[in-house]
Amino acid sequence: MSERVRDHDIVVYGASGFVGVLVAKYLAEHAPKGTRVALAGRSESKLSEVRGRLGVDWPILVADAADVPALEKLANATKVVITTVGPYAKYGKALVRACAAAGTDYVDLTGEVLFARESIDENHELARTTGARIVHSCGFDSIPSDIGVHVLDQQVKADGAGELADTTLVVTSMKGGFSGGTIDSMRHQLDMVKTDRKLRKIAASPYSLSPDRAKEPDLGRQDDTAVLDASKVHPRLRGMLAPFVMASYNTRVVRRSNALRKWEYGRAFRYREAMSVGTSPLSPVIAHGTRLGLGALMAGLSLPPTRYVLDRVLPKPGEGPSEKARNSGHFTMDIFATTTSGARYSARVRAKGDPGYAATAVMLSESALALVHDRDALPPSEGGVLTPATALGDALVTRLRAAGMEITASRSA
């Protein structure tokens, strides 16, 4: 981040949207005293309404996602931008570019492989020259995965137990739905790859977000849609594991962290994600049914007739659950690893609150607060398009633990 004087510490862009309001509310209640926050978006009247509901006197900045001069002015006025405006491939390119050019730190919620890849290609070197930390995926996509592996690797290194090898994240329990914005991002990416073979190849590559795919190790096929025998992930697990819908993005973020750290996790680091469907005799049926269901959803969103039907029942952008439903949500993710020395380790990331809304608002807000208030605790970096682990590291772990999130790692039997 450029050291020149800025008017604001944090600008929340998209502050009148559903998730944007949750982020603004969290900052109003939890940001350290003196943190200078501004609300931004395309509608001054809606932003004023949000400000009034929150009971704050924060400045309002008006900028449409297509208004490049306004976005550049916004980026130059603040230390950090939080943006919840997606799909990012459709609405986010100009803002991330403006932040990279202005030396302004940036955090978002994207789970879009193609947007992240384009941002890396277009903005990484520019952000390195200005010192901006561009940090994509600071919500449920992909902080539990990326930070979970980060603390797991730290514990392995502290114990002198070698490097990470086979590593699997298991969604042990989760209550909460996917946001309308997530569904809209899925639609948009499917449209992008439908007629472009090159983009399909990028989206399918396990190293699609790597800084240099040619230098990545050849670990064979890494299938994000496989049904797994849980006992082969860890001896204490039972039943079958189903594919996790967010694995195709999260795994690529974690692999990028490993590559940005010069393969600190290990050259034999093989990472995947799956979801528990219980231990009953029916778990194989449920797991395979989940796999077929996810495939059917992707196919349905790709075809106009079925998309029309799905669009009528799936959440729409800007919609979300009630406060009661958000507060009753939760998630638990357990990460199991075998190291190159043969030792077994596990990590846990657990939080209360609907993963895509309440918990995400905490993770996104604390990411921005770490960039503002914890500069000395951040990992060394010249800037660039980074990941939560490589940009925020232990500073974010400390903040999330203080906010009530469980993040642990230990050797296991």
Protein backbone atom coordinates (compact mmCIF):
# COMPACT_ATOMS: atom_id res chain seq x y z
CA MET A 1 0.00 0.00 0.00
CA SER A 2 1.29 3.42 -0.94
CA GLU A 3 2.28 5.48 2.13
CA ARG A 4 0.82 8.75 0.89
CA VAL A 5 -1.97 10.30 2.96
CA ARG A 6 -5.43 8.84 2.32
CA ASP A 7 -8.80 10.24 3.36
CA HIS A 8 -10.15 6.87 4.47
CA ASP A 9 -8.82 3.65 5.97
CA ILE A 10 -11.49 1.37 4.48
CA VAL A 11 -14.05 1.89 1.74
CA VAL A 12 -16.84 -0.69 1.56
CA TYR A 13 -17.85 -0.87 -2.11
CA GLY A 14 -21.29 -2.34 -2.67
CA ALA A 15 -22.31 -1.30 0.84
CA SER A 16 -26.04 -1.24 0.02
CA GLY A 17 -26.07 -4.86 -1.19
CA PHE A 18 -27.03 -7.75 1.07
CA VAL A 19 -23.50 -8.83 2.03
CA GLY A 20 -22.22 -5.24 1.85
CA VAL A 21 -24.67 -4.21 4.57
CA LEU A 22 -23.49 -7.10 6.77
CA VAL A 23 -19.88 -6.03 6.30
CA ALA A 24 -20.67 -2.38 7.07
CA LYS A 25 -22.61 -3.43 10.18
CA TYR A 26 -19.72 -5.58 11.38
CA LEU A 27 -17.27 -2.74 10.94
CA ALA A 28 -19.58 -0.33 12.75
CA GLU A 29 -19.67 -2.71 15.72
CA HIS A 30 -16.13 -4.11 15.73
CA ALA A 31 -13.66 -1.83 13.94
CA PRO A 32 -11.12 -0.29 16.34
CA LYS A 33 -11.98 3.23 17.45
CA GLY A 34 -10.71 5.80 15.00
CA THR A 35 -10.93 3.53 11.93
CA ARG A 36 -12.04 5.79 9.08
CA VAL A 37 -14.69 3.94 7.07
CA ALA A 38 -16.60 5.14 4.00
CA LEU A 39 -19.54 3.57 2.17
CA ALA A 40 -19.48 3.36 -1.62
CA GLY A 41 -21.70 2.20 -4.45
CA ARG A 42 -23.73 3.50 -7.35
CA SER A 43 -26.78 4.81 -5.44
CA GLU A 44 -26.32 7.69 -3.03
CA SER A 45 -29.85 7.32 -1.68
CA LYS A 46 -29.41 3.63 -0.84
CA LEU A 47 -26.05 4.28 0.79
CA SER A 48 -27.59 7.08 2.86
CA GLU A 49 -30.31 4.67 4.00
CA VAL A 50 -27.69 2.13 5.09
CA ARG A 51 -25.74 4.81 6.92
CA GLY A 52 -28.87 5.90 8.75
CA ARG A 53 -29.76 2.35 9.78
CA LEU A 54 -26.25 1.82 11.14
CA GLY A 55 -26.27 5.12 13.02
CA VAL A 56 -22.86 6.20 11.70
CA ASP A 57 -21.64 9.41 10.09
CA TRP A 58 -19.34 7.78 7.54
CA PRO A 59 -18.72 9.54 4.21
CA ILE A 60 -20.48 8.32 1.07
CA LEU A 61 -18.69 7.83 -2.26
CA VAL A 62 -20.68 7.33 -5.45
CA ALA A 63 -19.07 5.23 -8.17
CA ASP A 64 -20.61 2.94 -10.77
CA ALA A 65 -18.73 -0.27 -11.56
CA ALA A 66 -18.28 0.93 -15.16
CA ASP A 67 -17.14 4.46 -14.27
CA VAL A 68 -13.35 4.12 -14.41
CA PRO A 69 -12.48 7.71 -13.36
CA ALA A 70 -14.79 7.44 -10.34
CA LEU A 71 -13.26 4.11 -9.35
CA GLU A 72 -9.75 5.51 -9.70
CA LYS A 73 -10.70 8.45 -7.48
CA LEU A 74 -12.16 6.04 -4.93
CA ALA A 75 -9.04 3.84 -4.94
CA ASN A 76 -6.75 6.83 -4.43
CA ALA A 77 -8.81 8.04 -1.47
CA THR A 78 -8.41 4.99 0.78
CA LYS A 79 -5.91 2.54 2.22
CA VAL A 80 -8.09 -0.54 1.65
CA VAL A 81 -11.07 -1.35 -0.54
CA ILE A 82 -13.57 -4.05 0.40
CA THR A 83 -15.78 -5.00 -2.53
CA THR A 84 -18.81 -7.27 -2.48
CA VAL A 85 -19.94 -6.40 -6.01
CA GLY A 86 -20.04 -9.47 -8.26
CA PRO A 87 -19.94 -11.39 -10.45
CA TYR A 88 -16.42 -10.03 -10.38
CA ALA A 89 -15.64 -11.00 -13.97
CA LYS A 90 -18.55 -8.77 -14.98
CA TYR A 91 -18.33 -5.90 -12.50
CA GLY A 92 -14.97 -6.11 -10.75
CA LYS A 93 -12.15 -5.71 -13.26
CA ALA A 94 -11.93 -1.91 -13.31
CA LEU A 95 -11.90 -1.59 -9.52
CA VAL A 96 -9.16 -4.14 -8.91
CA ARG A 97 -7.09 -2.48 -11.64
CA ALA A 98 -7.59 0.92 -10.05
CA CYS A 99 -6.45 -0.41 -6.67
CA ALA A 100 -3.37 -2.08 -8.15
CA ALA A 101 -2.41 1.17 -9.90
CA ALA A 102 -3.03 3.34 -6.84
CA GLY A 103 -1.09 1.15 -4.40
CA THR A 104 -4.32 0.48 -2.53
CA ASP A 105 -4.89 -2.80 -0.72
CA TYR A 106 -7.95 -4.72 -1.87
CA VAL A 107 -10.09 -7.62 -0.59
CA ASP A 108 -13.07 -9.35 -2.19
CA LEU A 109 -15.24 -12.48 -2.06
CA THR A 110 -14.66 -13.96 -5.49
CA GLY A 111 -14.85 -17.66 -6.14
CA GLU A 112 -14.40 -17.20 -9.88
CA VAL A 113 -11.36 -19.00 -11.31
CA LEU A 114 -11.34 -17.09 -14.58
CA PHE A 115 -11.61 -13.68 -12.93
CA ALA A 116 -8.81 -14.51 -10.50
CA ARG A 117 -6.62 -15.78 -13.34
CA GLU A 118 -7.19 -12.63 -15.38
CA SER A 119 -6.52 -10.47 -12.34
CA ILE A 120 -3.21 -12.26 -11.76
CA ASP A 121 -2.19 -11.77 -15.38
CA GLU A 122 -3.26 -8.13 -15.55
CA ASN A 123 -2.45 -6.84 -12.07
CA HIS A 124 0.22 -8.87 -10.28
CA GLU A 125 3.29 -7.09 -11.63
CA LEU A 126 1.59 -3.68 -11.45
CA ALA A 127 0.65 -4.26 -7.81
CA ARG A 128 4.22 -5.31 -7.03
CA THR A 129 5.49 -1.97 -8.35
CA THR A 130 2.99 0.00 -6.24
CA GLY A 131 3.08 -2.27 -3.18
CA ALA A 132 -0.66 -3.02 -3.27
CA ARG A 133 -1.78 -6.28 -1.71
CA ILE A 134 -4.59 -7.55 -3.93
CA VAL A 135 -6.26 -10.31 -1.94
CA HIS A 136 -9.04 -12.21 -3.63
CA SER A 137 -11.31 -14.73 -1.91
CA CYS A 138 -11.51 -13.42 1.66
CA GLY A 139 -14.80 -15.07 2.62
CA PHE A 140 -16.01 -18.66 2.90
CA ASP A 141 -14.25 -18.87 -0.46
CA SER A 142 -11.40 -19.41 0.50
CA ILE A 143 -10.22 -18.40 3.98
CA PRO A 144 -11.07 -21.63 5.87
CA SER A 145 -9.17 -23.66 3.26
CA ASP A 146 -6.21 -21.33 2.80
CA ILE A 147 -5.72 -20.31 6.42
CA GLY A 148 -6.42 -23.85 7.63
CA VAL A 149 -3.59 -25.28 5.54
CA HIS A 150 -1.38 -22.36 6.60
CA VAL A 151 -1.69 -23.20 10.33
CA LEU A 152 -1.37 -26.92 9.58
CA ASP A 153 1.91 -26.34 7.75
CA GLN A 154 3.19 -24.14 10.59
CA GLN A 155 2.54 -26.91 13.14
CA VAL A 156 4.27 -29.53 10.98
CA LYS A 157 7.30 -27.24 10.55
CA ALA A 158 7.40 -26.42 14.28
CA ASP A 159 7.49 -30.14 15.08
CA GLY A 160 10.16 -30.87 12.48
CA ALA A 161 7.85 -33.46 10.92
CA GLY A 162 8.78 -32.87 7.28
CA GLU A 163 6.51 -31.35 4.64
CA LEU A 164 2.85 -31.76 3.80
CA ALA A 165 2.03 -34.56 1.36
CA ASP A 166 -1.50 -35.98 0.93
CA THR A 167 -3.82 -33.37 2.44
CA THR A 168 -7.63 -33.43 2.42
CA LEU A 169 -10.07 -30.87 3.77
CA VAL A 170 -13.36 -32.42 4.90
CA VAL A 171 -16.46 -30.32 5.44
CA THR A 172 -17.50 -32.11 8.61
CA SER A 173 -20.66 -30.11 9.21
CA MET A 174 -22.29 -27.07 7.67
CA LYS A 175 -25.60 -25.28 8.00
CA GLY A 176 -26.40 -22.45 5.60
CA GLY A 177 -27.12 -21.80 1.98
CA PHE A 178 -25.22 -20.40 -0.95
CA SER A 179 -25.83 -16.75 -1.72
CA GLY A 180 -27.54 -15.43 -4.80
CA GLY A 181 -24.27 -13.76 -5.71
CA THR A 182 -22.45 -17.11 -5.66
CA ILE A 183 -25.07 -18.64 -7.95
CA ASP A 184 -24.84 -15.65 -10.30
CA SER A 185 -21.05 -16.02 -10.45
CA MET A 186 -21.48 -19.69 -11.37
CA ARG A 187 -23.84 -18.74 -14.19
CA HIS A 188 -21.46 -16.14 -15.54
CA GLN A 189 -18.43 -18.43 -15.54
CA LEU A 190 -20.38 -21.20 -17.24
CA ASP A 191 -21.32 -18.72 -19.96
CA MET A 192 -17.67 -17.75 -20.40
CA VAL A 193 -16.38 -21.30 -20.87
CA LYS A 194 -19.26 -22.50 -23.03
CA THR A 195 -17.77 -21.34 -26.33
CA ASP A 196 -14.11 -20.85 -25.44
CA ARG A 197 -11.90 -23.94 -25.30
CA LYS A 198 -8.95 -22.00 -23.90
CA LEU A 199 -11.00 -20.75 -20.96
CA ARG A 200 -12.36 -24.25 -20.35
CA LYS A 201 -8.81 -25.55 -20.16
CA ILE A 202 -7.80 -22.85 -17.68
CA ALA A 203 -10.85 -23.48 -15.51
CA ALA A 204 -10.17 -27.24 -15.46
CA SER A 205 -6.45 -27.07 -14.62
CA PRO A 206 -5.61 -27.88 -10.98
CA TYR A 207 -2.93 -25.17 -11.19
CA SER A 208 -5.04 -22.55 -12.96
CA LEU A 209 -4.03 -19.88 -10.42
CA SER A 210 -0.37 -20.83 -10.19
CA PRO A 211 2.22 -18.10 -10.81
CA ASP A 212 4.02 -20.49 -13.18
CA ARG A 213 2.14 -23.64 -14.14
CA ALA A 214 5.19 -25.10 -15.91
CA LYS A 215 7.07 -25.25 -12.58
CA GLU A 216 4.32 -27.09 -10.72
CA PRO A 217 4.98 -30.74 -9.79
CA ASP A 218 3.31 -33.49 -11.79
CA LEU A 219 1.20 -35.26 -9.17
CA GLY A 220 -1.17 -36.95 -11.58
CA ARG A 221 -4.87 -36.32 -11.86
CA GLN A 222 -6.39 -34.24 -9.06
CA ASP A 223 -10.14 -34.74 -9.32
CA ASP A 224 -12.38 -32.26 -7.49
CA THR A 225 -15.51 -34.34 -8.11
CA ALA A 226 -14.41 -37.75 -6.82
CA VAL A 227 -16.27 -39.76 -4.19
CA LEU A 228 -13.76 -40.78 -1.51
CA ASP A 229 -13.52 -43.57 1.03
CA ALA A 230 -13.27 -41.61 4.29
CA SER A 231 -11.08 -44.22 6.00
CA LYS A 232 -8.40 -43.63 3.37
CA VAL A 233 -8.33 -39.93 4.26
CA HIS A 234 -7.84 -40.75 7.95
CA PRO A 235 -8.19 -44.09 9.77
CA ARG A 236 -10.66 -42.70 12.27
CA LEU A 237 -13.12 -41.56 9.59
CA ARG A 238 -15.99 -43.72 8.36
CA GLY A 239 -18.40 -43.71 5.45
CA MET A 240 -17.95 -42.05 2.08
CA LEU A 241 -17.12 -38.43 1.26
CA ALA A 242 -18.97 -36.50 -1.42
CA PRO A 243 -17.57 -33.76 -3.66
CA PHE A 244 -17.63 -30.28 -2.12
CA VAL A 245 -19.10 -27.71 -4.48
CA MET A 246 -16.44 -25.09 -3.70
CA ALA A 247 -13.46 -27.44 -4.02
CA SER A 248 -12.81 -26.55 -7.65
CA TYR A 249 -11.94 -23.02 -6.56
CA ASN A 250 -10.55 -23.42 -3.04
CA THR A 251 -8.00 -26.05 -4.06
CA ARG A 252 -6.51 -23.71 -6.65
CA VAL A 253 -6.16 -20.90 -4.12
CA VAL A 254 -4.32 -23.19 -1.68
CA ARG A 255 -2.01 -24.43 -4.46
CA ARG A 256 -1.26 -20.81 -5.39
CA SER A 257 -0.28 -20.13 -1.79
CA ASN A 258 2.14 -23.04 -1.91
CA ALA A 259 3.69 -21.81 -5.16
CA LEU A 260 3.95 -18.18 -4.00
CA ARG A 261 5.84 -19.48 -0.98
CA LYS A 262 8.26 -21.36 -3.24
CA TRP A 263 6.49 -24.65 -2.47
CA GLU A 264 7.01 -24.30 1.27
CA TYR A 265 4.20 -26.80 1.92
CA GLY A 266 6.17 -29.28 -0.17
CA ARG A 267 6.71 -30.38 -3.75
CA ALA A 268 4.70 -33.52 -2.94
CA PHE A 269 1.80 -31.47 -1.52
CA ARG A 270 -1.37 -33.00 -2.94
CA TYR A 271 -4.52 -31.18 -1.86
CA ARG A 272 -8.23 -31.94 -2.26
CA GLU A 273 -11.53 -31.13 -0.58
CA ALA A 274 -14.61 -33.25 0.12
CA MET A 275 -17.78 -33.22 2.21
CA SER A 276 -18.99 -35.64 4.86
CA VAL A 277 -22.44 -37.13 4.25
CA GLY A 278 -22.54 -39.20 7.44
CA THR A 279 -21.56 -42.73 8.34
CA SER A 280 -24.77 -44.64 7.74
CA PRO A 281 -24.89 -47.61 5.32
CA LEU A 282 -26.49 -45.20 2.85
CA SER A 283 -23.48 -42.85 2.76
CA PRO A 284 -22.17 -44.32 -0.54
CA VAL A 285 -25.56 -43.72 -2.16
CA ILE A 286 -25.74 -40.18 -0.76
CA ALA A 287 -22.19 -39.37 -1.82
CA HIS A 288 -22.67 -40.57 -5.39
CA GLY A 289 -26.06 -38.86 -5.50
CA THR A 290 -24.44 -35.60 -4.41
CA ARG A 291 -21.87 -35.95 -7.18
CA LEU A 292 -24.61 -36.51 -9.76
CA GLY A 293 -26.63 -33.63 -8.34
CA LEU A 294 -23.75 -31.18 -8.65
CA GLY A 295 -23.18 -32.28 -12.23
CA ALA A 296 -26.87 -31.86 -12.97
CA LEU A 297 -26.83 -28.35 -11.48
CA MET A 298 -23.90 -27.32 -13.68
CA ALA A 299 -25.57 -28.83 -16.75
CA GLY A 300 -28.87 -27.21 -15.88
CA LEU A 301 -27.32 -23.76 -15.55
CA SER A 302 -25.58 -24.25 -18.91
CA LEU A 303 -28.74 -24.96 -20.92
CA PRO A 304 -31.30 -22.18 -21.55
CA PRO A 305 -34.49 -24.21 -20.91
CA THR A 306 -33.33 -25.66 -17.58
CA ARG A 307 -31.62 -22.42 -16.54
CA TYR A 308 -34.95 -20.65 -16.91
CA VAL A 309 -36.51 -23.09 -14.45
CA LEU A 310 -33.56 -22.97 -12.02
CA ASP A 311 -33.49 -19.18 -12.10
CA ARG A 312 -37.00 -19.17 -10.68
CA VAL A 313 -36.05 -21.25 -7.62
CA LEU A 314 -32.40 -20.46 -6.89
CA PRO A 315 -31.43 -17.42 -4.77
CA LYS A 316 -31.11 -14.18 -6.71
CA PRO A 317 -28.28 -11.63 -6.32
CA GLY A 318 -28.96 -9.31 -3.42
CA GLU A 319 -31.16 -11.85 -1.62
CA GLY A 320 -30.28 -13.64 1.59
CA PRO A 321 -31.64 -15.41 4.67
CA SER A 322 -33.19 -13.75 7.70
CA GLU A 323 -31.07 -12.64 10.63
CA LYS A 324 -32.33 -15.61 12.64
CA ALA A 325 -31.31 -18.03 9.89
CA ARG A 326 -27.92 -16.35 9.48
CA ASN A 327 -27.20 -16.58 13.18
CA SER A 328 -28.21 -20.26 13.38
CA GLY A 329 -25.75 -21.28 10.67
CA HIS A 330 -22.30 -22.76 11.23
CA PHE A 331 -19.47 -24.70 9.61
CA THR A 332 -16.73 -27.07 10.68
CA MET A 333 -13.87 -27.99 8.37
CA ASP A 334 -11.27 -30.58 9.32
CA ILE A 335 -8.03 -30.93 7.37
CA PHE A 336 -6.17 -34.24 7.47
CA ALA A 337 -2.59 -34.58 6.26
CA THR A 338 0.20 -37.10 6.04
CA THR A 339 3.68 -35.59 5.99
CA THR A 340 6.78 -36.71 4.14
CA SER A 341 8.03 -38.21 7.42
CA GLY A 342 4.91 -40.38 7.69
CA ALA A 343 3.36 -38.37 10.55
CA ARG A 344 -0.36 -37.62 10.59
CA TYR A 345 -1.65 -34.13 11.36
CA SER A 346 -5.04 -32.47 11.46
CA ALA A 347 -6.37 -28.93 11.60
CA ARG A 348 -9.81 -27.56 12.34
CA VAL A 349 -11.50 -24.34 11.24
CA ARG A 350 -14.90 -23.79 12.79
CA ALA A 351 -17.21 -20.80 13.11
CA LYS A 352 -20.75 -19.86 13.99
CA GLY A 353 -22.98 -18.04 11.54
CA ASP A 354 -24.21 -18.83 8.05
CA PRO A 355 -21.02 -19.54 6.05
CA GLY A 356 -21.92 -17.43 3.02
CA TYR A 357 -23.28 -14.45 4.96
CA ALA A 358 -22.61 -14.00 8.68
CA ALA A 359 -19.28 -15.84 8.83
CA THR A 360 -18.19 -14.37 5.51
CA ALA A 361 -18.87 -10.82 6.74
CA VAL A 362 -16.55 -11.48 9.69
CA MET A 363 -13.77 -12.96 7.54
CA LEU A 364 -13.91 -10.22 4.92
CA SER A 365 -14.02 -7.40 7.48
CA GLU A 366 -11.19 -8.80 9.59
CA SER A 367 -9.07 -9.22 6.44
CA ALA A 368 -9.42 -5.52 5.72
CA LEU A 369 -8.81 -4.56 9.35
CA ALA A 370 -5.60 -6.62 9.37
CA LEU A 371 -4.35 -4.67 6.34
CA VAL A 372 -5.08 -1.36 8.09
CA HIS A 373 -4.05 -2.04 11.66
CA ASP A 374 -1.61 -4.96 11.63
CA ARG A 375 1.00 -3.95 9.06
CA ASP A 376 3.94 -5.10 11.16
CA ALA A 377 2.40 -8.56 11.64
CA LEU A 378 1.67 -9.21 7.97
CA PRO A 379 3.84 -11.67 6.01
CA PRO A 380 6.73 -9.97 4.16
CA SER A 381 5.58 -9.02 0.66
CA GLU A 382 6.36 -6.61 -2.14
CA GLY A 383 2.69 -6.63 -3.05
CA GLY A 384 0.94 -8.35 -5.93
CA VAL A 385 -2.12 -10.52 -6.44
CA LEU A 386 -1.84 -12.68 -3.34
CA THR A 387 -3.91 -15.13 -1.30
CA PRO A 388 -5.25 -14.80 2.25
CA ALA A 389 -2.40 -16.96 3.58
CA THR A 390 0.38 -15.13 1.73
CA ALA A 391 -0.99 -11.60 2.20
CA LEU A 392 -2.43 -11.83 5.71
CA GLY A 393 -1.12 -15.00 7.36
CA ASP A 394 -0.84 -14.99 11.15
CA ALA A 395 -2.25 -11.47 11.46
CA LEU A 396 -5.57 -12.76 10.12
CA VAL A 397 -5.40 -15.95 12.20
CA THR A 398 -5.05 -13.84 15.35
CA ARG A 399 -7.95 -11.61 14.37
CA LEU A 400 -10.28 -14.46 13.46
CA ARG A 401 -9.55 -16.28 16.70
CA ALA A 402 -10.32 -13.10 18.62
CA ALA A 403 -13.58 -12.84 16.67
CA GLY A 404 -14.62 -16.30 17.88
CA MET A 405 -13.44 -18.59 15.10
CA GLU A 406 -11.71 -21.82 16.11
CA ILE A 407 -8.46 -22.39 14.19
CA THR A 408 -6.26 -25.19 15.49
CA ALA A 409 -3.68 -27.70 14.28
CA SER A 410 -2.01 -30.67 15.98
CA ARG A 411 -0.40 -34.05 15.46
CA SER A 412 -2.96 -36.84 15.37
CA ALA A 413 -2.85 -40.56 16.03
